[in-house]
Amino acid sequence: MKTSRMWAAAGCLLAGLSASVEAQDTTFTLVNNTEFTVRSVYIWPVTTDYRGPDRLGTDYIPSGRSHTFRPLDDECRYNIRVTLTDSNDEFRTNGVDLCGLGKLTLYYDYEERDLRASVD
C-alpha cells in the first residue's frame, strides 16, 4: 500500500516536472493605447533580479500601435516595466503570467494621472 502511494506520488512529481520542462508560449502583444510614445520595455523572469536590456532597442511604440514580444526563457511568470517618452510615467507589474496572455493594453488614466494596463 505504501509502495503504491510512493509510486503514485513519484508519477505526479515527474508529470509536473516534464510539463514544466516543455516550452511555454510566452508571446504577447503590447498595445499602446495612450497618447504617448513607449520608449522602453523591460521583460524579465521573476526568478532573477536582472531585468536585461530594453526589449525595444532603438525602436519605440507610437500611440495607437503595438509590438509583439516573445521572452526566450522557459518560464511563464515575468516582471514588466514600460516607460514613456513624453511623460515621466512608467508602468510596472510583477509576476505576470505570460503563458497564454495574448495581449496587454496600456492606457492612461487621466483621473488618477497614472499609466495602467488591461489584459485581453
PDB file of N, CA and C in Angstrom:
ATOM      1  N   MET A   1       0.823  -1.191   0.000  1.00  0.00           N
ATOM      2  CA  MET A   1       0.000   0.000   0.000  1.00  0.00           C
ATOM      3  C   MET A   1       0.867   1.254   0.000  1.00  0.00           C
ATOM      4  N   LYS A   2       1.869   1.286   0.913  1.00  0.00           N
ATOM      5  CA  LYS A   2       2.761   2.450   0.972  1.00  0.00           C
ATOM      6  C   LYS A   2       3.543   2.587  -0.320  1.00  0.00           C
ATOM      7  N   THR A   3       3.966   1.454  -0.890  1.00  0.00           N
ATOM      8  CA  THR A   3       4.749   1.478  -2.119  1.00  0.00           C
ATOM      9  C   THR A   3       3.943   2.053  -3.274  1.00  0.00           C
ATOM     10  N   SER A   4       2.682   1.653  -3.380  1.00  0.00           N
ATOM     11  CA  SER A   4       1.864   2.173  -4.481  1.00  0.00           C
ATOM     12  C   SER A   4       1.626   3.672  -4.323  1.00  0.00           C
ATOM     13  N   ARG A   5       1.452   4.143  -3.095  1.00  0.00           N
ATOM     14  CA  ARG A   5       1.304   5.593  -2.874  1.00  0.00           C
ATOM     15  C   ARG A   5       2.583   6.333  -3.250  1.00  0.00           C
ATOM     16  N   MET A   6       3.724   5.724  -2.896  1.00  0.00           N
ATOM     17  CA  MET A   6       5.001   6.346  -3.207  1.00  0.00           C
ATOM     18  C   MET A   6       5.183   6.455  -4.727  1.00  0.00           C
ATOM     19  N   TRP A   7       4.842   5.392  -5.464  1.00  0.00           N
ATOM     20  CA  TRP A   7       4.971   5.430  -6.918  1.00  0.00           C
ATOM     21  C   TRP A   7       3.980   6.412  -7.529  1.00  0.00           C
ATOM     22  N   ALA A   8       2.797   6.512  -6.974  1.00  0.00           N
ATOM     23  CA  ALA A   8       1.804   7.471  -7.470  1.00  0.00           C
ATOM     24  C   ALA A   8       2.299   8.894  -7.254  1.00  0.00           C
ATOM     25  N   ALA A   9       2.867   9.158  -6.076  1.00  0.00           N
ATOM     26  CA  ALA A   9       3.412  10.489  -5.789  1.00  0.00           C
ATOM     27  C   ALA A   9       4.580  10.790  -6.716  1.00  0.00           C
ATOM     28  N   ALA A  10       5.442   9.796  -6.944  1.00  0.00           N
ATOM     29  CA  ALA A  10       6.583   9.999  -7.845  1.00  0.00           C
ATOM     30  C   ALA A  10       6.102  10.276  -9.263  1.00  0.00           C
ATOM     31  N   GLY A  11       5.049   9.559  -9.691  1.00  0.00           N
ATOM     32  CA  GLY A  11       4.493   9.780 -11.031  1.00  0.00           C
ATOM     33  C   GLY A  11       3.942  11.191 -11.181  1.00  0.00           C
ATOM     34  N   CYS A  12       3.255  11.674 -10.164  1.00  0.00           N
ATOM     35  CA  CYS A  12       2.719  13.044 -10.204  1.00  0.00           C
ATOM     36  C   CYS A  12       3.851  14.059 -10.263  1.00  0.00           C
ATOM     37  N   LEU A  13       4.890  13.808  -9.474  1.00  0.00           N
ATOM     38  CA  LEU A  13       6.039  14.715  -9.463  1.00  0.00           C
ATOM     39  C   LEU A  13       6.703  14.746 -10.825  1.00  0.00           C
ATOM     40  N   LEU A  14       6.939  13.588 -11.424  1.00  0.00           N
ATOM     41  CA  LEU A  14       7.572  13.539 -12.739  1.00  0.00           C
ATOM     42  C   LEU A  14       6.694  14.173 -13.808  1.00  0.00           C
ATOM     43  N   ALA A  15       5.398  13.984 -13.729  1.00  0.00           N
ATOM     44  CA  ALA A  15       4.485  14.602 -14.700  1.00  0.00           C
ATOM     45  C   ALA A  15       4.570  16.114 -14.594  1.00  0.00           C
ATOM     46  N   GLY A  16       4.637  16.622 -13.371  1.00  0.00           N
ATOM     47  CA  GLY A  16       4.759  18.061 -13.174  1.00  0.00           C
ATOM     48  C   GLY A  16       6.080  18.586 -13.693  1.00  0.00           C
ATOM     49  N   LEU A  17       7.155  17.826 -13.480  1.00  0.00           N
ATOM     50  CA  LEU A  17       8.468  18.252 -13.971  1.00  0.00           C
ATOM     51  C   LEU A  17       8.514  18.244 -15.481  1.00  0.00           C
ATOM     52  N   SER A  18       7.961  17.224 -16.106  1.00  0.00           N
ATOM     53  CA  SER A  18       8.008  17.179 -17.572  1.00  0.00           C
ATOM     54  C   SER A  18       7.164  18.296 -18.168  1.00  0.00           C
ATOM     55  N   ALA A  19       6.061  18.656 -17.525  1.00  0.00           N
ATOM     56  CA  ALA A  19       5.230  19.755 -18.033  1.00  0.00           C
ATOM     57  C   ALA A  19       5.964  21.079 -17.920  1.00  0.00           C
ATOM     58  N   SER A  20       6.754  21.239 -16.841  1.00  0.00           N
ATOM     59  CA  SER A  20       7.465  22.500 -16.679  1.00  0.00           C
ATOM     60  C   SER A  20       8.676  22.594 -17.606  1.00  0.00           C
ATOM     61  N   VAL A  21       9.196  21.433 -18.064  1.00  0.00           N
ATOM     62  CA  VAL A  21      10.335  21.441 -18.972  1.00  0.00           C
ATOM     63  C   VAL A  21       9.896  21.817 -20.383  1.00  0.00           C
ATOM     64  N   GLU A  22       8.658  21.468 -20.747  1.00  0.00           N
ATOM     65  CA  GLU A  22       8.165  21.808 -22.073  1.00  0.00           C
ATOM     66  C   GLU A  22       8.127  23.326 -22.234  1.00  0.00           C
ATOM     67  N   ALA A  23       8.483  23.794 -23.414  1.00  0.00           N
ATOM     68  CA  ALA A  23       8.479  25.227 -23.676  1.00  0.00           C
ATOM     69  C   ALA A  23       7.055  25.768 -23.645  1.00  0.00           C
ATOM     70  N   GLN A  24       6.870  26.865 -22.970  1.00  0.00           N
ATOM     71  CA  GLN A  24       5.581  27.529 -22.885  1.00  0.00           C
ATOM     72  C   GLN A  24       5.564  28.687 -23.869  1.00  0.00           C
ATOM     73  N   ASP A  25       4.400  28.983 -24.430  1.00  0.00           N
ATOM     74  CA  ASP A  25       4.288  30.105 -25.349  1.00  0.00           C
ATOM     75  C   ASP A  25       4.067  31.381 -24.549  1.00  0.00           C
ATOM     76  N   THR A  26       5.091  32.222 -24.499  1.00  0.00           N
ATOM     77  CA  THR A  26       5.020  33.477 -23.751  1.00  0.00           C
ATOM     78  C   THR A  26       4.862  34.679 -24.674  1.00  0.00           C
ATOM     79  N   THR A  27       4.559  34.419 -25.940  1.00  0.00           N
ATOM     80  CA  THR A  27       4.381  35.503 -26.906  1.00  0.00           C
ATOM     81  C   THR A  27       3.168  36.333 -26.518  1.00  0.00           C
ATOM     82  N   PHE A  28       3.350  37.667 -26.507  1.00  0.00           N
ATOM     83  CA  PHE A  28       2.220  38.547 -26.238  1.00  0.00           C
ATOM     84  C   PHE A  28       2.409  39.848 -26.999  1.00  0.00           C
ATOM     85  N   THR A  29       1.316  40.556 -27.207  1.00  0.00           N
ATOM     86  CA  THR A  29       1.341  41.837 -27.906  1.00  0.00           C
ATOM     87  C   THR A  29       1.093  42.947 -26.900  1.00  0.00           C
ATOM     88  N   LEU A  30       1.969  43.940 -26.923  1.00  0.00           N
ATOM     89  CA  LEU A  30       1.800  45.133 -26.086  1.00  0.00           C
ATOM     90  C   LEU A  30       1.185  46.216 -26.958  1.00  0.00           C
ATOM     91  N   VAL A  31      -0.007  46.659 -26.588  1.00  0.00           N
ATOM     92  CA  VAL A  31      -0.736  47.674 -27.346  1.00  0.00           C
ATOM     93  C   VAL A  31      -0.608  49.003 -26.619  1.00  0.00           C
ATOM     94  N   ASN A  32      -0.178  50.027 -27.347  1.00  0.00           N
ATOM     95  CA  ASN A  32      -0.041  51.364 -26.769  1.00  0.00           C
ATOM     96  C   ASN A  32      -1.314  52.159 -27.048  1.00  0.00           C
ATOM     97  N   ASN A  33      -2.225  52.142 -26.094  1.00  0.00           N
ATOM     98  CA  ASN A  33      -3.490  52.857 -26.224  1.00  0.00           C
ATOM     99  C   ASN A  33      -3.446  54.159 -25.413  1.00  0.00           C
ATOM    100  N   THR A  34      -2.287  54.814 -25.435  1.00  0.00           N
ATOM    101  CA  THR A  34      -2.116  56.112 -24.772  1.00  0.00           C
ATOM    102  C   THR A  34      -1.839  57.149 -25.848  1.00  0.00           C
ATOM    103  N   GLU A  35      -1.774  58.395 -25.468  1.00  0.00           N
ATOM    104  CA  GLU A  35      -1.401  59.434 -26.437  1.00  0.00           C
ATOM    105  C   GLU A  35       0.105  59.658 -26.458  1.00  0.00           C
ATOM    106  N   PHE A  36       0.820  58.868 -25.674  1.00  0.00           N
ATOM    107  CA  PHE A  36       2.270  58.989 -25.562  1.00  0.00           C
ATOM    108  C   PHE A  36       2.969  57.884 -26.362  1.00  0.00           C
ATOM    109  N   THR A  37       4.271  58.018 -26.532  1.00  0.00           N
ATOM    110  CA  THR A  37       5.097  57.019 -27.206  1.00  0.00           C
ATOM    111  C   THR A  37       5.815  56.168 -26.167  1.00  0.00           C
ATOM    112  N   VAL A  38       5.769  54.854 -26.334  1.00  0.00           N
ATOM    113  CA  VAL A  38       6.510  53.952 -25.445  1.00  0.00           C
ATOM    114  C   VAL A  38       7.962  53.967 -25.887  1.00  0.00           C
ATOM    115  N   ARG A  39       8.862  54.303 -24.959  1.00  0.00           N
ATOM    116  CA  ARG A  39      10.280  54.384 -25.315  1.00  0.00           C
ATOM    117  C   ARG A  39      11.089  53.182 -24.880  1.00  0.00           C
ATOM    118  N   SER A  40      10.628  52.460 -23.843  1.00  0.00           N
ATOM    119  CA  SER A  40      11.385  51.281 -23.424  1.00  0.00           C
ATOM    120  C   SER A  40      10.454  50.249 -22.801  1.00  0.00           C
ATOM    121  N   VAL A  41      10.823  48.995 -22.988  1.00  0.00           N
ATOM    122  CA  VAL A  41      10.087  47.871 -22.426  1.00  0.00           C
ATOM    123  C   VAL A  41      11.105  46.878 -21.878  1.00  0.00           C
ATOM    124  N   TYR A  42      10.971  46.565 -20.604  1.00  0.00           N
ATOM    125  CA  TYR A  42      11.825  45.569 -19.962  1.00  0.00           C
ATOM    126  C   TYR A  42      10.948  44.406 -19.523  1.00  0.00           C
ATOM    127  N   ILE A  43      11.371  43.200 -19.861  1.00  0.00           N
ATOM    128  CA  ILE A  43      10.635  41.986 -19.509  1.00  0.00           C
ATOM    129  C   ILE A  43      11.658  40.987 -18.981  1.00  0.00           C
ATOM    130  N   TRP A  44      11.479  40.539 -17.732  1.00  0.00           N
ATOM    131  CA  TRP A  44      12.444  39.591 -17.184  1.00  0.00           C
ATOM    132  C   TRP A  44      11.741  38.608 -16.254  1.00  0.00           C
ATOM    133  N   PRO A  45      12.271  37.375 -16.171  1.00  0.00           N
ATOM    134  CA  PRO A  45      11.653  36.346 -15.328  1.00  0.00           C
ATOM    135  C   PRO A  45      11.660  36.758 -13.856  1.00  0.00           C
ATOM    136  N   VAL A  46      10.633  36.343 -13.130  1.00  0.00           N
ATOM    137  CA  VAL A  46      10.557  36.675 -11.708  1.00  0.00           C
ATOM    138  C   VAL A  46      11.661  35.992 -10.907  1.00  0.00           C
ATOM    139  N   THR A  47      12.299  34.999 -11.501  1.00  0.00           N
ATOM    140  CA  THR A  47      13.345  34.253 -10.794  1.00  0.00           C
ATOM    141  C   THR A  47      14.687  34.964 -10.787  1.00  0.00           C
ATOM    142  N   THR A  48      14.772  36.135 -11.406  1.00  0.00           N
ATOM    143  CA  THR A  48      16.032  36.877 -11.430  1.00  0.00           C
ATOM    144  C   THR A  48      15.781  38.356 -11.139  1.00  0.00           C
ATOM    145  N   ASP A  49      16.794  39.017 -10.608  1.00  0.00           N
ATOM    146  CA  ASP A  49      16.698  40.450 -10.359  1.00  0.00           C
ATOM    147  C   ASP A  49      17.190  41.268 -11.551  1.00  0.00           C
ATOM    148  N   TYR A  50      17.886  40.621 -12.489  1.00  0.00           N
ATOM    149  CA  TYR A  50      18.452  41.311 -13.647  1.00  0.00           C
ATOM    150  C   TYR A  50      17.375  41.487 -14.706  1.00  0.00           C
ATOM    151  N   ARG A  51      17.051  42.736 -15.005  1.00  0.00           N
ATOM    152  CA  ARG A  51      15.965  42.985 -15.959  1.00  0.00           C
ATOM    153  C   ARG A  51      16.420  42.897 -17.410  1.00  0.00           C
ATOM    154  N   GLY A  52      17.691  42.890 -17.652  1.00  0.00           N
ATOM    155  CA  GLY A  52      18.186  42.770 -19.016  1.00  0.00           C
ATOM    156  C   GLY A  52      18.045  44.054 -19.806  1.00  0.00           C
ATOM    157  N   PRO A  53      18.318  43.986 -21.099  1.00  0.00           N
ATOM    158  CA  PRO A  53      18.279  45.183 -21.943  1.00  0.00           C
ATOM    159  C   PRO A  53      16.845  45.585 -22.295  1.00  0.00           C
ATOM    160  N   ASP A  54      16.718  46.801 -22.765  1.00  0.00           N
ATOM    161  CA  ASP A  54      15.442  47.293 -23.284  1.00  0.00           C
ATOM    162  C   ASP A  54      15.059  46.432 -24.471  1.00  0.00           C
ATOM    163  N   ARG A  55      13.884  45.800 -24.433  1.00  0.00           N
ATOM    164  CA  ARG A  55      13.459  44.884 -25.496  1.00  0.00           C
ATOM    165  C   ARG A  55      13.143  45.604 -26.804  1.00  0.00           C
ATOM    166  N   LEU A  56      12.963  46.923 -26.753  1.00  0.00           N
ATOM    167  CA  LEU A  56      12.715  47.678 -27.987  1.00  0.00           C
ATOM    168  C   LEU A  56      14.010  48.092 -28.674  1.00  0.00           C
ATOM    169  N   GLY A  57      15.117  48.086 -27.936  1.00  0.00           N
ATOM    170  CA  GLY A  57      16.383  48.543 -28.518  1.00  0.00           C
ATOM    171  C   GLY A  57      16.266  49.998 -28.919  1.00  0.00           C
ATOM    172  N   THR A  58      16.477  50.295 -30.188  1.00  0.00           N
ATOM    173  CA  THR A  58      16.374  51.682 -30.671  1.00  0.00           C
ATOM    174  C   THR A  58      14.976  51.992 -31.203  1.00  0.00           C
ATOM    175  N   ASP A  59      14.084  51.019 -31.184  1.00  0.00           N
ATOM    176  CA  ASP A  59      12.712  51.222 -31.658  1.00  0.00           C
ATOM    177  C   ASP A  59      11.855  51.848 -30.564  1.00  0.00           C
ATOM    178  N   TYR A  60      10.628  52.132 -30.900  1.00  0.00           N
ATOM    179  CA  TYR A  60       9.646  52.644 -29.947  1.00  0.00           C
ATOM    180  C   TYR A  60       8.267  52.218 -30.433  1.00  0.00           C
ATOM    181  N   ILE A  61       7.266  52.405 -29.572  1.00  0.00           N
ATOM    182  CA  ILE A  61       5.894  52.063 -29.959  1.00  0.00           C
ATOM    183  C   ILE A  61       5.065  53.345 -29.927  1.00  0.00           C
ATOM    184  N   PRO A  62       4.737  53.899 -31.092  1.00  0.00           N
ATOM    185  CA  PRO A  62       3.936  55.130 -31.133  1.00  0.00           C
ATOM    186  C   PRO A  62       2.522  54.895 -30.592  1.00  0.00           C
ATOM    187  N   SER A  63       1.862  55.978 -30.278  1.00  0.00           N
ATOM    188  CA  SER A  63       0.477  55.930 -29.832  1.00  0.00           C
ATOM    189  C   SER A  63      -0.390  55.209 -30.862  1.00  0.00           C
ATOM    190  N   GLY A  64      -1.234  54.298 -30.382  1.00  0.00           N
ATOM    191  CA  GLY A  64      -2.127  53.575 -31.274  1.00  0.00           C
ATOM    192  C   GLY A  64      -1.512  52.380 -31.969  1.00  0.00           C
ATOM    193  N   ARG A  65      -0.251  52.093 -31.706  1.00  0.00           N
ATOM    194  CA  ARG A  65       0.435  50.966 -32.355  1.00  0.00           C
ATOM    195  C   ARG A  65       0.711  49.865 -31.340  1.00  0.00           C
ATOM    196  N   SER A  66       1.217  48.751 -31.820  1.00  0.00           N
ATOM    197  CA  SER A  66       1.525  47.628 -30.942  1.00  0.00           C
ATOM    198  C   SER A  66       2.844  46.976 -31.348  1.00  0.00           C
ATOM    199  N   HIS A  67       3.339  46.135 -30.472  1.00  0.00           N
ATOM    200  CA  HIS A  67       4.585  45.412 -30.721  1.00  0.00           C
ATOM    201  C   HIS A  67       4.449  44.042 -30.064  1.00  0.00           C
ATOM    202  N   THR A  68       4.903  43.004 -30.753  1.00  0.00           N
ATOM    203  CA  THR A  68       4.826  41.650 -30.215  1.00  0.00           C
ATOM    204  C   THR A  68       6.167  41.257 -29.612  1.00  0.00           C
ATOM    205  N   PHE A  69       6.099  40.665 -28.433  1.00  0.00           N
ATOM    206  CA  PHE A  69       7.293  40.218 -27.709  1.00  0.00           C
ATOM    207  C   PHE A  69       7.193  38.720 -27.470  1.00  0.00           C
ATOM    208  N   ARG A  70       8.369  38.090 -27.418  1.00  0.00           N
ATOM    209  CA  ARG A  70       8.435  36.685 -27.043  1.00  0.00           C
ATOM    210  C   ARG A  70       9.669  36.464 -26.182  1.00  0.00           C
ATOM    211  N   PRO A  71       9.485  36.522 -24.862  1.00  0.00           N
ATOM    212  CA  PRO A  71      10.622  36.231 -23.972  1.00  0.00           C
ATOM    213  C   PRO A  71      11.146  34.825 -24.238  1.00  0.00           C
ATOM    214  N   LEU A  72      12.440  34.664 -24.190  1.00  0.00           N
ATOM    215  CA  LEU A  72      13.059  33.394 -24.559  1.00  0.00           C
ATOM    216  C   LEU A  72      13.221  32.416 -23.409  1.00  0.00           C
ATOM    217  N   ASP A  73      13.031  32.876 -22.178  1.00  0.00           N
ATOM    218  CA  ASP A  73      13.177  31.974 -21.036  1.00  0.00           C
ATOM    219  C   ASP A  73      11.989  31.027 -20.978  1.00  0.00           C
ATOM    220  N   ASP A  74      12.245  29.819 -20.522  1.00  0.00           N
ATOM    221  CA  ASP A  74      11.177  28.815 -20.430  1.00  0.00           C
ATOM    222  C   ASP A  74      10.429  28.950 -19.113  1.00  0.00           C
ATOM    223  N   GLU A  75       9.875  30.104 -18.889  1.00  0.00           N
ATOM    224  CA  GLU A  75       9.096  30.375 -17.687  1.00  0.00           C
ATOM    225  C   GLU A  75       7.813  31.076 -18.101  1.00  0.00           C
ATOM    226  N   CYS A  76       6.863  31.133 -17.202  1.00  0.00           N
ATOM    227  CA  CYS A  76       5.602  31.815 -17.501  1.00  0.00           C
ATOM    228  C   CYS A  76       5.485  33.160 -16.786  1.00  0.00           C
ATOM    229  N   ARG A  77       6.049  33.277 -15.614  1.00  0.00           N
ATOM    230  CA  ARG A  77       5.882  34.495 -14.817  1.00  0.00           C
ATOM    231  C   ARG A  77       7.037  35.475 -15.037  1.00  0.00           C
ATOM    232  N   TYR A  78       6.642  36.710 -15.389  1.00  0.00           N
ATOM    233  CA  TYR A  78       7.616  37.754 -15.704  1.00  0.00           C
ATOM    234  C   TYR A  78       7.259  39.068 -15.021  1.00  0.00           C
ATOM    235  N   ASN A  79       8.265  39.888 -14.853  1.00  0.00           N
ATOM    236  CA  ASN A  79       8.086  41.275 -14.433  1.00  0.00           C
ATOM    237  C   ASN A  79       8.147  42.124 -15.699  1.00  0.00           C
ATOM    238  N   ILE A  80       7.360  43.183 -15.740  1.00  0.00           N
ATOM    239  CA  ILE A  80       7.335  44.060 -16.906  1.00  0.00           C
ATOM    240  C   ILE A  80       7.448  45.505 -16.451  1.00  0.00           C
ATOM    241  N   ARG A  81       8.278  46.275 -17.146  1.00  0.00           N
ATOM    242  CA  ARG A  81       8.408  47.711 -16.897  1.00  0.00           C
ATOM    243  C   ARG A  81       8.370  48.428 -18.242  1.00  0.00           C
ATOM    244  N   VAL A  82       7.487  49.430 -18.355  1.00  0.00           N
ATOM    245  CA  VAL A  82       7.321  50.193 -19.592  1.00  0.00           C
ATOM    246  C   VAL A  82       7.468  51.675 -19.253  1.00  0.00           C
ATOM    247  N   THR A  83       8.266  52.410 -20.044  1.00  0.00           N
ATOM    248  CA  THR A  83       8.390  53.852 -19.842  1.00  0.00           C
ATOM    249  C   THR A  83       7.961  54.587 -21.107  1.00  0.00           C
ATOM    250  N   LEU A  84       7.510  55.816 -20.904  1.00  0.00           N
ATOM    251  CA  LEU A  84       7.017  56.650 -21.999  1.00  0.00           C
ATOM    252  C   LEU A  84       7.992  57.785 -22.292  1.00  0.00           C
ATOM    253  N   THR A  85       7.969  58.303 -23.541  1.00  0.00           N
ATOM    254  CA  THR A  85       8.880  59.385 -23.913  1.00  0.00           C
ATOM    255  C   THR A  85       8.376  60.754 -23.481  1.00  0.00           C
ATOM    256  N   ASP A  86       7.079  60.976 -23.597  1.00  0.00           N
ATOM    257  CA  ASP A  86       6.527  62.314 -23.367  1.00  0.00           C
ATOM    258  C   ASP A  86       6.022  62.517 -21.951  1.00  0.00           C
ATOM    259  N   SER A  87       6.375  61.633 -21.071  1.00  0.00           N
ATOM    260  CA  SER A  87       5.852  61.677 -19.716  1.00  0.00           C
ATOM    261  C   SER A  87       6.871  61.025 -18.790  1.00  0.00           C
ATOM    262  N   ASN A  88       6.789  61.329 -17.521  1.00  0.00           N
ATOM    263  CA  ASN A  88       7.653  60.674 -16.542  1.00  0.00           C
ATOM    264  C   ASN A  88       7.017  59.405 -16.005  1.00  0.00           C
ATOM    265  N   ASP A  89       5.876  59.032 -16.575  1.00  0.00           N
ATOM    266  CA  ASP A  89       5.161  57.867 -16.080  1.00  0.00           C
ATOM    267  C   ASP A  89       5.793  56.572 -16.570  1.00  0.00           C
ATOM    268  N   GLU A  90       5.605  55.553 -15.756  1.00  0.00           N
ATOM    269  CA  GLU A  90       6.009  54.215 -16.156  1.00  0.00           C
ATOM    270  C   GLU A  90       5.008  53.217 -15.594  1.00  0.00           C
ATOM    271  N   PHE A  91       4.907  52.100 -16.277  1.00  0.00           N
ATOM    272  CA  PHE A  91       4.041  51.017 -15.846  1.00  0.00           C
ATOM    273  C   PHE A  91       4.938  49.895 -15.362  1.00  0.00           C
ATOM    274  N   ARG A  92       4.659  49.408 -14.165  1.00  0.00           N
ATOM    275  CA  ARG A  92       5.402  48.271 -13.620  1.00  0.00           C
ATOM    276  C   ARG A  92       4.427  47.251 -13.091  1.00  0.00           C
ATOM    277  N   THR A  93       4.716  46.021 -13.363  1.00  0.00           N
ATOM    278  CA  THR A  93       3.935  44.934 -12.778  1.00  0.00           C
ATOM    279  C   THR A  93       4.857  43.740 -12.580  1.00  0.00           C
ATOM    280  N   ASN A  94       4.601  42.991 -11.543  1.00  0.00           N
ATOM    281  CA  ASN A  94       5.438  41.841 -11.215  1.00  0.00           C
ATOM    282  C   ASN A  94       4.623  40.560 -11.255  1.00  0.00           C
ATOM    283  N   GLY A  95       5.257  39.514 -11.724  1.00  0.00           N
ATOM    284  CA  GLY A  95       4.649  38.196 -11.689  1.00  0.00           C
ATOM    285  C   GLY A  95       3.522  37.971 -12.678  1.00  0.00           C
ATOM    286  N   VAL A  96       3.578  38.629 -13.833  1.00  0.00           N
ATOM    287  CA  VAL A  96       2.546  38.445 -14.851  1.00  0.00           C
ATOM    288  C   VAL A  96       2.727  37.080 -15.501  1.00  0.00           C
ATOM    289  N   ASP A  97       1.646  36.317 -15.607  1.00  0.00           N
ATOM    290  CA  ASP A  97       1.693  35.015 -16.265  1.00  0.00           C
ATOM    291  C   ASP A  97       1.526  35.236 -17.768  1.00  0.00           C
ATOM    292  N   LEU A  98       2.642  35.176 -18.498  1.00  0.00           N
ATOM    293  CA  LEU A  98       2.612  35.427 -19.938  1.00  0.00           C
ATOM    294  C   LEU A  98       2.156  34.227 -20.752  1.00  0.00           C
ATOM    295  N   CYS A  99       2.140  33.051 -20.152  1.00  0.00           N
ATOM    296  CA  CYS A  99       1.715  31.859 -20.887  1.00  0.00           C
ATOM    297  C   CYS A  99       0.224  31.977 -21.188  1.00  0.00           C
ATOM    298  N   GLY A 100      -0.073  32.182 -22.445  1.00  0.00           N
ATOM    299  CA  GLY A 100      -1.463  32.316 -22.856  1.00  0.00           C
ATOM    300  C   GLY A 100      -2.057  33.695 -22.640  1.00  0.00           C
ATOM    301  N   LEU A 101      -1.230  34.688 -22.325  1.00  0.00           N
ATOM    302  CA  LEU A 101      -1.743  36.046 -22.070  1.00  0.00           C
ATOM    303  C   LEU A 101      -2.391  36.641 -23.305  1.00  0.00           C
ATOM    304  N   GLY A 102      -1.683  36.664 -24.402  1.00  0.00           N
ATOM    305  CA  GLY A 102      -2.228  37.209 -25.649  1.00  0.00           C
ATOM    306  C   GLY A 102      -1.931  38.679 -25.845  1.00  0.00           C
ATOM    307  N   LYS A 103      -2.611  39.540 -25.049  1.00  0.00           N
ATOM    308  CA  LYS A 103      -2.459  40.974 -25.284  1.00  0.00           C
ATOM    309  C   LYS A 103      -2.486  41.739 -23.969  1.00  0.00           C
ATOM    310  N   LEU A 104      -1.596  42.727 -23.860  1.00  0.00           N
ATOM    311  CA  LEU A 104      -1.537  43.647 -22.730  1.00  0.00           C
ATOM    312  C   LEU A 104      -1.693  45.048 -23.307  1.00  0.00           C
ATOM    313  N   THR A 105      -2.756  45.752 -22.926  1.00  0.00           N
ATOM    314  CA  THR A 105      -3.044  47.065 -23.487  1.00  0.00           C
ATOM    315  C   THR A 105      -2.766  48.155 -22.461  1.00  0.00           C
ATOM    316  N   LEU A 106      -1.880  49.086 -22.824  1.00  0.00           N
ATOM    317  CA  LEU A 106      -1.575  50.233 -21.966  1.00  0.00           C
ATOM    318  C   LEU A 106      -2.580  51.343 -22.211  1.00  0.00           C
ATOM    319  N   TYR A 107      -2.998  52.002 -21.158  1.00  0.00           N
ATOM    320  CA  TYR A 107      -3.849  53.179 -21.288  1.00  0.00           C
ATOM    321  C   TYR A 107      -3.499  54.153 -20.173  1.00  0.00           C
ATOM    322  N   TYR A 108      -3.836  55.410 -20.364  1.00  0.00           N
ATOM    323  CA  TYR A 108      -3.531  56.432 -19.373  1.00  0.00           C
ATOM    324  C   TYR A 108      -4.820  56.835 -18.673  1.00  0.00           C
ATOM    325  N   ASP A 109      -4.822  56.696 -17.350  1.00  0.00           N
ATOM    326  CA  ASP A 109      -5.970  57.078 -16.538  1.00  0.00           C
ATOM    327  C   ASP A 109      -5.779  58.542 -16.132  1.00  0.00           C
ATOM    328  N   TYR A 110      -6.462  59.451 -16.833  1.00  0.00           N
ATOM    329  CA  TYR A 110      -6.287  60.880 -16.588  1.00  0.00           C
ATOM    330  C   TYR A 110      -6.831  61.317 -15.236  1.00  0.00           C
ATOM    331  N   GLU A 111      -7.867  60.640 -14.772  1.00  0.00           N
ATOM    332  CA  GLU A 111      -8.432  60.987 -13.474  1.00  0.00           C
ATOM    333  C   GLU A 111      -7.432  60.704 -12.352  1.00  0.00           C
ATOM    334  N   GLU A 112      -6.764  59.569 -12.447  1.00  0.00           N
ATOM    335  CA  GLU A 112      -5.773  59.178 -11.446  1.00  0.00           C
ATOM    336  C   GLU A 112      -4.359  59.634 -11.812  1.00  0.00           C
ATOM    337  N   ARG A 113      -4.209  60.128 -13.040  1.00  0.00           N
ATOM    338  CA  ARG A 113      -2.888  60.525 -13.557  1.00  0.00           C
ATOM    339  C   ARG A 113      -1.889  59.389 -13.417  1.00  0.00           C
ATOM    340  N   ASP A 114      -2.261  58.267 -14.037  1.00  0.00           N
ATOM    341  CA  ASP A 114      -1.484  57.057 -13.857  1.00  0.00           C
ATOM    342  C   ASP A 114      -1.532  56.215 -15.132  1.00  0.00           C
ATOM    343  N   LEU A 115      -0.416  55.602 -15.467  1.00  0.00           N
ATOM    344  CA  LEU A 115      -0.339  54.669 -16.592  1.00  0.00           C
ATOM    345  C   LEU A 115      -0.772  53.299 -16.092  1.00  0.00           C
ATOM    346  N   ARG A 116      -1.715  52.681 -16.801  1.00  0.00           N
ATOM    347  CA  ARG A 116      -2.258  51.391 -16.389  1.00  0.00           C
ATOM    348  C   ARG A 116      -2.304  50.427 -17.561  1.00  0.00           C
ATOM    349  N   ALA A 117      -2.677  49.204 -17.281  1.00  0.00           N
ATOM    350  CA  ALA A 117      -2.769  48.199 -18.348  1.00  0.00           C
ATOM    351  C   ALA A 117      -3.945  47.278 -18.087  1.00  0.00           C
ATOM    352  N   SER A 118      -4.501  46.776 -19.173  1.00  0.00           N
ATOM    353  CA  SER A 118      -5.547  45.763 -19.079  1.00  0.00           C
ATOM    354  C   SER A 118      -5.091  44.530 -19.859  1.00  0.00           C
ATOM    355  N   VAL A 119      -5.561  43.389 -19.434  1.00  0.00           N
ATOM    356  CA  VAL A 119      -5.177  42.119 -20.046  1.00  0.00           C
ATOM    357  C   VAL A 119      -6.344  41.620 -20.891  1.00  0.00           C
ATOM    358  N   ASP A 120      -6.024  41.244 -22.120  1.00  0.00           N
ATOM    359  CA  ASP A 120      -7.050  40.684 -23.010  1.00  0.00           C
ATOM    360  C   ASP A 120      -6.752  39.236 -23.309  1.00  0.00           C
TER     361      ASP A 120
END
